[in-house]
Amino acid sequence: MSERLQYSMIVQWSDEDQAYLVTLPEWEGRVFNPITHGESYEDAIRHGHEALAALVASAHQRAEPLPEPRVFASSAR
């Protein structure tokens, strides 16, 4: 993934699945969430990055616009 992507990734433990599930909030409506998983937190993050790279590459190939990243805006200045 050569471009710098600024998308959110939520990693949550699932007792039912006995795995960490990864959700990509900005991609809701384009993909089914959770998008991927991992047996460890680190695996889930790695798989999330791989899924995100694949989504961006697919959007570029199809000339589809990318979703707007959610940006944290601090009110304290």
PDB file of N, CA and C in Angstrom:
ATOM      1  N   MET A   1       0.865  -1.152   0.000  1.00  0.00           N
ATOM      2  CA  MET A   1       0.000   0.000   0.000  1.00  0.00           C
ATOM      3  C   MET A   1       0.916   1.220   0.000  1.00  0.00           C
ATOM      4  N   SER A   2       1.056   1.855  -1.136  1.00  0.00           N
ATOM      5  CA  SER A   2       1.997   2.961  -1.250  1.00  0.00           C
ATOM      6  C   SER A   2       1.420   4.293  -0.784  1.00  0.00           C
ATOM      7  N   GLU A   3       0.115   4.490  -0.945  1.00  0.00           N
ATOM      8  CA  GLU A   3      -0.453   5.759  -0.501  1.00  0.00           C
ATOM      9  C   GLU A   3      -0.789   5.693   0.988  1.00  0.00           C
ATOM     10  N   ARG A   4      -0.787   6.832   1.615  1.00  0.00           N
ATOM     11  CA  ARG A   4      -1.074   6.907   3.043  1.00  0.00           C
ATOM     12  C   ARG A   4      -2.584   6.971   3.239  1.00  0.00           C
ATOM     13  N   LEU A   5      -3.111   5.967   3.894  1.00  0.00           N
ATOM     14  CA  LEU A   5      -4.554   5.891   4.109  1.00  0.00           C
ATOM     15  C   LEU A   5      -4.883   6.265   5.541  1.00  0.00           C
ATOM     16  N   GLN A   6      -5.922   7.033   5.715  1.00  0.00           N
ATOM     17  CA  GLN A   6      -6.292   7.510   7.042  1.00  0.00           C
ATOM     18  C   GLN A   6      -7.707   7.077   7.388  1.00  0.00           C
ATOM     19  N   TYR A   7      -7.916   5.769   7.373  1.00  0.00           N
ATOM     20  CA  TYR A   7      -9.227   5.221   7.684  1.00  0.00           C
ATOM     21  C   TYR A   7      -9.255   4.623   9.081  1.00  0.00           C
ATOM     22  N   SER A   8     -10.429   4.597   9.667  1.00  0.00           N
ATOM     23  CA  SER A   8     -10.636   4.021  10.992  1.00  0.00           C
ATOM     24  C   SER A   8     -10.695   2.506  10.897  1.00  0.00           C
ATOM     25  N   MET A   9     -10.215   1.864  11.962  1.00  0.00           N
ATOM     26  CA  MET A   9     -10.307   0.420  12.078  1.00  0.00           C
ATOM     27  C   MET A   9     -10.681   0.122  13.527  1.00  0.00           C
ATOM     28  N   ILE A  10     -11.752  -0.613  13.711  1.00  0.00           N
ATOM     29  CA  ILE A  10     -12.182  -0.991  15.053  1.00  0.00           C
ATOM     30  C   ILE A  10     -11.896  -2.473  15.230  1.00  0.00           C
ATOM     31  N   VAL A  11     -11.187  -2.807  16.298  1.00  0.00           N
ATOM     32  CA  VAL A  11     -10.860  -4.200  16.612  1.00  0.00           C
ATOM     33  C   VAL A  11     -11.529  -4.532  17.938  1.00  0.00           C
ATOM     34  N   GLN A  12     -12.367  -5.569  17.920  1.00  0.00           N
ATOM     35  CA  GLN A  12     -13.104  -5.955  19.122  1.00  0.00           C
ATOM     36  C   GLN A  12     -13.053  -7.470  19.302  1.00  0.00           C
ATOM     37  N   TRP A  13     -12.909  -7.909  20.555  1.00  0.00           N
ATOM     38  CA  TRP A  13     -12.931  -9.327  20.854  1.00  0.00           C
ATOM     39  C   TRP A  13     -14.366  -9.850  20.774  1.00  0.00           C
ATOM     40  N   SER A  14     -14.536 -11.039  20.186  1.00  0.00           N
ATOM     41  CA  SER A  14     -15.836 -11.690  20.107  1.00  0.00           C
ATOM     42  C   SER A  14     -15.767 -13.020  20.856  1.00  0.00           C
ATOM     43  N   ASP A  15     -16.518 -13.121  21.967  1.00  0.00           N
ATOM     44  CA  ASP A  15     -16.579 -14.389  22.697  1.00  0.00           C
ATOM     45  C   ASP A  15     -17.185 -15.483  21.827  1.00  0.00           C
ATOM     46  N   GLU A  16     -18.184 -15.102  21.037  1.00  0.00           N
ATOM     47  CA  GLU A  16     -18.871 -16.078  20.176  1.00  0.00           C
ATOM     48  C   GLU A  16     -17.916 -16.685  19.150  1.00  0.00           C
ATOM     49  N   ASP A  17     -17.087 -15.837  18.531  1.00  0.00           N
ATOM     50  CA  ASP A  17     -16.168 -16.295  17.487  1.00  0.00           C
ATOM     51  C   ASP A  17     -14.801 -16.704  18.029  1.00  0.00           C
ATOM     52  N   GLN A  18     -14.516 -16.331  19.293  1.00  0.00           N
ATOM     53  CA  GLN A  18     -13.209 -16.575  19.891  1.00  0.00           C
ATOM     54  C   GLN A  18     -12.100 -16.015  19.005  1.00  0.00           C
ATOM     55  N   ALA A  19     -12.328 -14.768  18.566  1.00  0.00           N
ATOM     56  CA  ALA A  19     -11.377 -14.077  17.685  1.00  0.00           C
ATOM     57  C   ALA A  19     -11.596 -12.573  17.813  1.00  0.00           C
ATOM     58  N   TYR A  20     -10.586 -11.833  17.375  1.00  0.00           N
ATOM     59  CA  TYR A  20     -10.704 -10.374  17.275  1.00  0.00           C
ATOM     60  C   TYR A  20     -11.318 -10.051  15.917  1.00  0.00           C
ATOM     61  N   LEU A  21     -12.407  -9.293  15.917  1.00  0.00           N
ATOM     62  CA  LEU A  21     -13.101  -8.931  14.678  1.00  0.00           C
ATOM     63  C   LEU A  21     -12.741  -7.505  14.302  1.00  0.00           C
ATOM     64  N   VAL A  22     -12.576  -7.273  12.997  1.00  0.00           N
ATOM     65  CA  VAL A  22     -12.177  -5.961  12.480  1.00  0.00           C
ATOM     66  C   VAL A  22     -13.324  -5.362  11.673  1.00  0.00           C
ATOM     67  N   THR A  23     -13.662  -4.135  12.019  1.00  0.00           N
ATOM     68  CA  THR A  23     -14.684  -3.370  11.307  1.00  0.00           C
ATOM     69  C   THR A  23     -14.032  -2.122  10.725  1.00  0.00           C
ATOM     70  N   LEU A  24     -14.418  -1.767   9.498  1.00  0.00           N
ATOM     71  CA  LEU A  24     -13.933  -0.555   8.834  1.00  0.00           C
ATOM     72  C   LEU A  24     -15.126   0.390   8.679  1.00  0.00           C
ATOM     73  N   PRO A  25     -15.306   1.313   9.640  1.00  0.00           N
ATOM     74  CA  PRO A  25     -16.514   2.151   9.664  1.00  0.00           C
ATOM     75  C   PRO A  25     -16.774   2.960   8.395  1.00  0.00           C
ATOM     76  N   GLU A  26     -15.747   3.524   7.794  1.00  0.00           N
ATOM     77  CA  GLU A  26     -15.964   4.352   6.603  1.00  0.00           C
ATOM     78  C   GLU A  26     -16.467   3.541   5.406  1.00  0.00           C
ATOM     79  N   TRP A  27     -16.274   2.245   5.455  1.00  0.00           N
ATOM     80  CA  TRP A  27     -16.657   1.386   4.339  1.00  0.00           C
ATOM     81  C   TRP A  27     -18.020   0.738   4.541  1.00  0.00           C
ATOM     82  N   GLU A  28     -18.739   1.118   5.624  1.00  0.00           N
ATOM     83  CA  GLU A  28     -20.093   0.592   5.844  1.00  0.00           C
ATOM     84  C   GLU A  28     -20.943   0.892   4.623  1.00  0.00           C
ATOM     85  N   GLY A  29     -21.754  -0.060   4.248  1.00  0.00           N
ATOM     86  CA  GLY A  29     -22.591   0.102   3.068  1.00  0.00           C
ATOM     87  C   GLY A  29     -21.905  -0.358   1.798  1.00  0.00           C
ATOM     88  N   ARG A  30     -20.583  -0.487   1.843  1.00  0.00           N
ATOM     89  CA  ARG A  30     -19.824  -0.991   0.690  1.00  0.00           C
ATOM     90  C   ARG A  30     -19.365  -2.426   0.918  1.00  0.00           C
ATOM     91  N   VAL A  31     -19.163  -2.770   2.184  1.00  0.00           N
ATOM     92  CA  VAL A  31     -18.725  -4.120   2.554  1.00  0.00           C
ATOM     93  C   VAL A  31     -19.528  -4.579   3.760  1.00  0.00           C
ATOM     94  N   PHE A  32     -19.547  -5.886   3.973  1.00  0.00           N
ATOM     95  CA  PHE A  32     -20.165  -6.426   5.175  1.00  0.00           C
ATOM     96  C   PHE A  32     -19.141  -6.359   6.296  1.00  0.00           C
ATOM     97  N   ASN A  33     -19.537  -5.808   7.422  1.00  0.00           N
ATOM     98  CA  ASN A  33     -18.678  -5.746   8.594  1.00  0.00           C
ATOM     99  C   ASN A  33     -19.137  -6.782   9.603  1.00  0.00           C
ATOM    100  N   PRO A  34     -18.255  -7.400  10.351  1.00  0.00           N
ATOM    101  CA  PRO A  34     -16.823  -7.195  10.316  1.00  0.00           C
ATOM    102  C   PRO A  34     -16.219  -7.717   9.018  1.00  0.00           C
ATOM    103  N   ILE A  35     -15.164  -7.052   8.580  1.00  0.00           N
ATOM    104  CA  ILE A  35     -14.527  -7.352   7.304  1.00  0.00           C
ATOM    105  C   ILE A  35     -13.540  -8.512   7.399  1.00  0.00           C
ATOM    106  N   THR A  36     -12.895  -8.665   8.565  1.00  0.00           N
ATOM    107  CA  THR A  36     -11.912  -9.725   8.746  1.00  0.00           C
ATOM    108  C   THR A  36     -11.752  -9.997  10.232  1.00  0.00           C
ATOM    109  N   HIS A  37     -10.813 -10.862  10.586  1.00  0.00           N
ATOM    110  CA  HIS A  37     -10.603 -11.243  11.981  1.00  0.00           C
ATOM    111  C   HIS A  37      -9.173 -11.725  12.176  1.00  0.00           C
ATOM    112  N   GLY A  38      -8.842 -12.026  13.412  1.00  0.00           N
ATOM    113  CA  GLY A  38      -7.535 -12.600  13.737  1.00  0.00           C
ATOM    114  C   GLY A  38      -7.591 -13.307  15.070  1.00  0.00           C
ATOM    115  N   GLU A  39      -6.738 -14.314  15.223  1.00  0.00           N
ATOM    116  CA  GLU A  39      -6.670 -15.029  16.495  1.00  0.00           C
ATOM    117  C   GLU A  39      -6.023 -14.170  17.572  1.00  0.00           C
ATOM    118  N   SER A  40      -5.134 -13.263  17.166  1.00  0.00           N
ATOM    119  CA  SER A  40      -4.524 -12.316  18.093  1.00  0.00           C
ATOM    120  C   SER A  40      -4.868 -10.903  17.623  1.00  0.00           C
ATOM    121  N   TYR A  41      -4.669  -9.941  18.518  1.00  0.00           N
ATOM    122  CA  TYR A  41      -4.919  -8.544  18.171  1.00  0.00           C
ATOM    123  C   TYR A  41      -4.030  -8.129  17.001  1.00  0.00           C
ATOM    124  N   GLU A  42      -2.770  -8.545  17.041  1.00  0.00           N
ATOM    125  CA  GLU A  42      -1.813  -8.201  15.991  1.00  0.00           C
ATOM    126  C   GLU A  42      -2.224  -8.797  14.643  1.00  0.00           C
ATOM    127  N   ASP A  43      -2.701 -10.055  14.659  1.00  0.00           N
ATOM    128  CA  ASP A  43      -3.186 -10.686  13.417  1.00  0.00           C
ATOM    129  C   ASP A  43      -4.379  -9.921  12.860  1.00  0.00           C
ATOM    130  N   ALA A  44      -5.286  -9.511  13.745  1.00  0.00           N
ATOM    131  CA  ALA A  44      -6.473  -8.779  13.303  1.00  0.00           C
ATOM    132  C   ALA A  44      -6.072  -7.460  12.644  1.00  0.00           C
ATOM    133  N   ILE A  45      -5.118  -6.739  13.246  1.00  0.00           N
ATOM    134  CA  ILE A  45      -4.652  -5.479  12.659  1.00  0.00           C
ATOM    135  C   ILE A  45      -4.031  -5.729  11.284  1.00  0.00           C
ATOM    136  N   ARG A  46      -3.177  -6.741  11.194  1.00  0.00           N
ATOM    137  CA  ARG A  46      -2.533  -7.058   9.911  1.00  0.00           C
ATOM    138  C   ARG A  46      -3.577  -7.404   8.847  1.00  0.00           C
ATOM    139  N   HIS A  47      -4.546  -8.227   9.220  1.00  0.00           N
ATOM    140  CA  HIS A  47      -5.598  -8.604   8.270  1.00  0.00           C
ATOM    141  C   HIS A  47      -6.459  -7.395   7.898  1.00  0.00           C
ATOM    142  N   GLY A  48      -6.688  -6.507   8.861  1.00  0.00           N
ATOM    143  CA  GLY A  48      -7.439  -5.284   8.575  1.00  0.00           C
ATOM    144  C   GLY A  48      -6.720  -4.411   7.571  1.00  0.00           C
ATOM    145  N   HIS A  49      -5.399  -4.267   7.721  1.00  0.00           N
ATOM    146  CA  HIS A  49      -4.604  -3.482   6.763  1.00  0.00           C
ATOM    147  C   HIS A  49      -4.656  -4.115   5.375  1.00  0.00           C
ATOM    148  N   GLU A  50      -4.559  -5.441   5.326  1.00  0.00           N
ATOM    149  CA  GLU A  50      -4.623  -6.147   4.039  1.00  0.00           C
ATOM    150  C   GLU A  50      -5.987  -5.945   3.377  1.00  0.00           C
ATOM    151  N   ALA A  51      -7.054  -6.040   4.155  1.00  0.00           N
ATOM    152  CA  ALA A  51      -8.406  -5.846   3.610  1.00  0.00           C
ATOM    153  C   ALA A  51      -8.582  -4.425   3.109  1.00  0.00           C
ATOM    154  N   LEU A  52      -8.093  -3.466   3.873  1.00  0.00           N
ATOM    155  CA  LEU A  52      -8.190  -2.066   3.474  1.00  0.00           C
ATOM    156  C   LEU A  52      -7.429  -1.818   2.171  1.00  0.00           C
ATOM    157  N   ALA A  53      -6.232  -2.362   2.064  1.00  0.00           N
ATOM    158  CA  ALA A  53      -5.447  -2.204   0.831  1.00  0.00           C
ATOM    159  C   ALA A  53      -6.187  -2.806  -0.360  1.00  0.00           C
ATOM    160  N   ALA A  54      -6.809  -3.955  -0.168  1.00  0.00           N
ATOM    161  CA  ALA A  54      -7.558  -4.594  -1.252  1.00  0.00           C
ATOM    162  C   ALA A  54      -8.779  -3.762  -1.644  1.00  0.00           C
ATOM    163  N   LEU A  55      -9.469  -3.191  -0.669  1.00  0.00           N
ATOM    164  CA  LEU A  55     -10.633  -2.348  -0.967  1.00  0.00           C
ATOM    165  C   LEU A  55     -10.230  -1.112  -1.760  1.00  0.00           C
ATOM    166  N   VAL A  56      -9.141  -0.478  -1.351  1.00  0.00           N
ATOM    167  CA  VAL A  56      -8.674   0.724  -2.045  1.00  0.00           C
ATOM    168  C   VAL A  56      -8.223   0.375  -3.462  1.00  0.00           C
ATOM    169  N   ALA A  57      -7.488  -0.713  -3.619  1.00  0.00           N
ATOM    170  CA  ALA A  57      -7.037  -1.131  -4.952  1.00  0.00           C
ATOM    171  C   ALA A  57      -8.229  -1.432  -5.851  1.00  0.00           C
ATOM    172  N   SER A  58      -9.230  -2.102  -5.316  1.00  0.00           N
ATOM    173  CA  SER A  58     -10.431  -2.415  -6.099  1.00  0.00           C
ATOM    174  C   SER A  58     -11.166  -1.141  -6.514  1.00  0.00           C
ATOM    175  N   ALA A  59     -11.284  -0.192  -5.596  1.00  0.00           N
ATOM    176  CA  ALA A  59     -11.950   1.078  -5.924  1.00  0.00           C
ATOM    177  C   ALA A  59     -11.184   1.819  -7.014  1.00  0.00           C
ATOM    178  N   HIS A  60      -9.855   1.818  -6.913  1.00  0.00           N
ATOM    179  CA  HIS A  60      -9.038   2.476  -7.948  1.00  0.00           C
ATOM    180  C   HIS A  60      -9.225   1.800  -9.308  1.00  0.00           C
ATOM    181  N   GLN A  61      -9.228   0.466  -9.331  1.00  0.00           N
ATOM    182  CA  GLN A  61      -9.397  -0.277 -10.588  1.00  0.00           C
ATOM    183  C   GLN A  61     -10.747   0.010 -11.239  1.00  0.00           C
ATOM    184  N   ARG A  62     -11.764   0.200 -10.429  1.00  0.00           N
ATOM    185  CA  ARG A  62     -13.111   0.438 -10.943  1.00  0.00           C
ATOM    186  C   ARG A  62     -13.428   1.925 -11.096  1.00  0.00           C
ATOM    187  N   ALA A  63     -12.433   2.764 -10.813  1.00  0.00           N
ATOM    188  CA  ALA A  63     -12.596   4.227 -10.870  1.00  0.00           C
ATOM    189  C   ALA A  63     -13.736   4.699  -9.971  1.00  0.00           C
ATOM    190  N   GLU A  64     -13.876   4.044  -8.821  1.00  0.00           N
ATOM    191  CA  GLU A  64     -14.886   4.421  -7.840  1.00  0.00           C
ATOM    192  C   GLU A  64     -14.266   5.382  -6.829  1.00  0.00           C
ATOM    193  N   PRO A  65     -15.037   6.328  -6.340  1.00  0.00           N
ATOM    194  CA  PRO A  65     -14.493   7.242  -5.325  1.00  0.00           C
ATOM    195  C   PRO A  65     -14.275   6.510  -4.002  1.00  0.00           C
ATOM    196  N   LEU A  66     -13.252   6.919  -3.283  1.00  0.00           N
ATOM    197  CA  LEU A  66     -12.994   6.370  -1.953  1.00  0.00           C
ATOM    198  C   LEU A  66     -13.870   7.090  -0.940  1.00  0.00           C
ATOM    199  N   PRO A  67     -14.276   6.400   0.122  1.00  0.00           N
ATOM    200  CA  PRO A  67     -15.050   7.094   1.155  1.00  0.00           C
ATOM    201  C   PRO A  67     -14.182   8.132   1.865  1.00  0.00           C
ATOM    202  N   GLU A  68     -14.820   9.153   2.390  1.00  0.00           N
ATOM    203  CA  GLU A  68     -14.105  10.179   3.147  1.00  0.00           C
ATOM    204  C   GLU A  68     -13.660   9.593   4.484  1.00  0.00           C
ATOM    205  N   PRO A  69     -12.400   9.775   4.849  1.00  0.00           N
ATOM    206  CA  PRO A  69     -11.948   9.312   6.160  1.00  0.00           C
ATOM    207  C   PRO A  69     -12.603  10.122   7.270  1.00  0.00           C
ATOM    208  N   ARG A  70     -12.883   9.448   8.373  1.00  0.00           N
ATOM    209  CA  ARG A  70     -13.350  10.144   9.575  1.00  0.00           C
ATOM    210  C   ARG A  70     -12.123  10.708  10.251  1.00  0.00           C
ATOM    211  N   VAL A  71     -12.156  11.979  10.582  1.00  0.00           N
ATOM    212  CA  VAL A  71     -10.989  12.636  11.164  1.00  0.00           C
ATOM    213  C   VAL A  71     -11.326  13.092  12.571  1.00  0.00           C
ATOM    214  N   PHE A  72     -10.451  12.766  13.509  1.00  0.00           N
ATOM    215  CA  PHE A  72     -10.628  13.205  14.884  1.00  0.00           C
ATOM    216  C   PHE A  72     -10.289  14.686  14.964  1.00  0.00           C
ATOM    217  N   ALA A  73     -11.212  15.467  15.459  1.00  0.00           N
ATOM    218  CA  ALA A  73     -10.991  16.908  15.603  1.00  0.00           C
ATOM    219  C   ALA A  73     -11.057  17.262  17.075  1.00  0.00           C
ATOM    220  N   SER A  74      -9.937  17.634  17.610  1.00  0.00           N
ATOM    221  CA  SER A  74      -9.877  18.008  19.023  1.00  0.00           C
ATOM    222  C   SER A  74     -10.440  19.413  19.202  1.00  0.00           C
ATOM    223  N   SER A  75     -11.277  19.578  20.227  1.00  0.00           N
ATOM    224  CA  SER A  75     -11.841  20.900  20.497  1.00  0.00           C
ATOM    225  C   SER A  75     -10.921  21.720  21.399  1.00  0.00           C
ATOM    226  N   ALA A  76      -9.930  21.066  21.995  1.00  0.00           N
ATOM    227  CA  ALA A  76      -8.990  21.771  22.879  1.00  0.00           C
ATOM    228  C   ALA A  76      -7.835  22.351  22.081  1.00  0.00           C
ATOM    229  N   ARG A  77      -7.633  23.635  22.178  1.00  0.00           N
ATOM    230  CA  ARG A  77      -6.516  24.292  21.479  1.00  0.00           C
ATOM    231  C   ARG A  77      -5.915  25.325  22.354  1.00  0.00           C
TER     232      ARG A  77
END
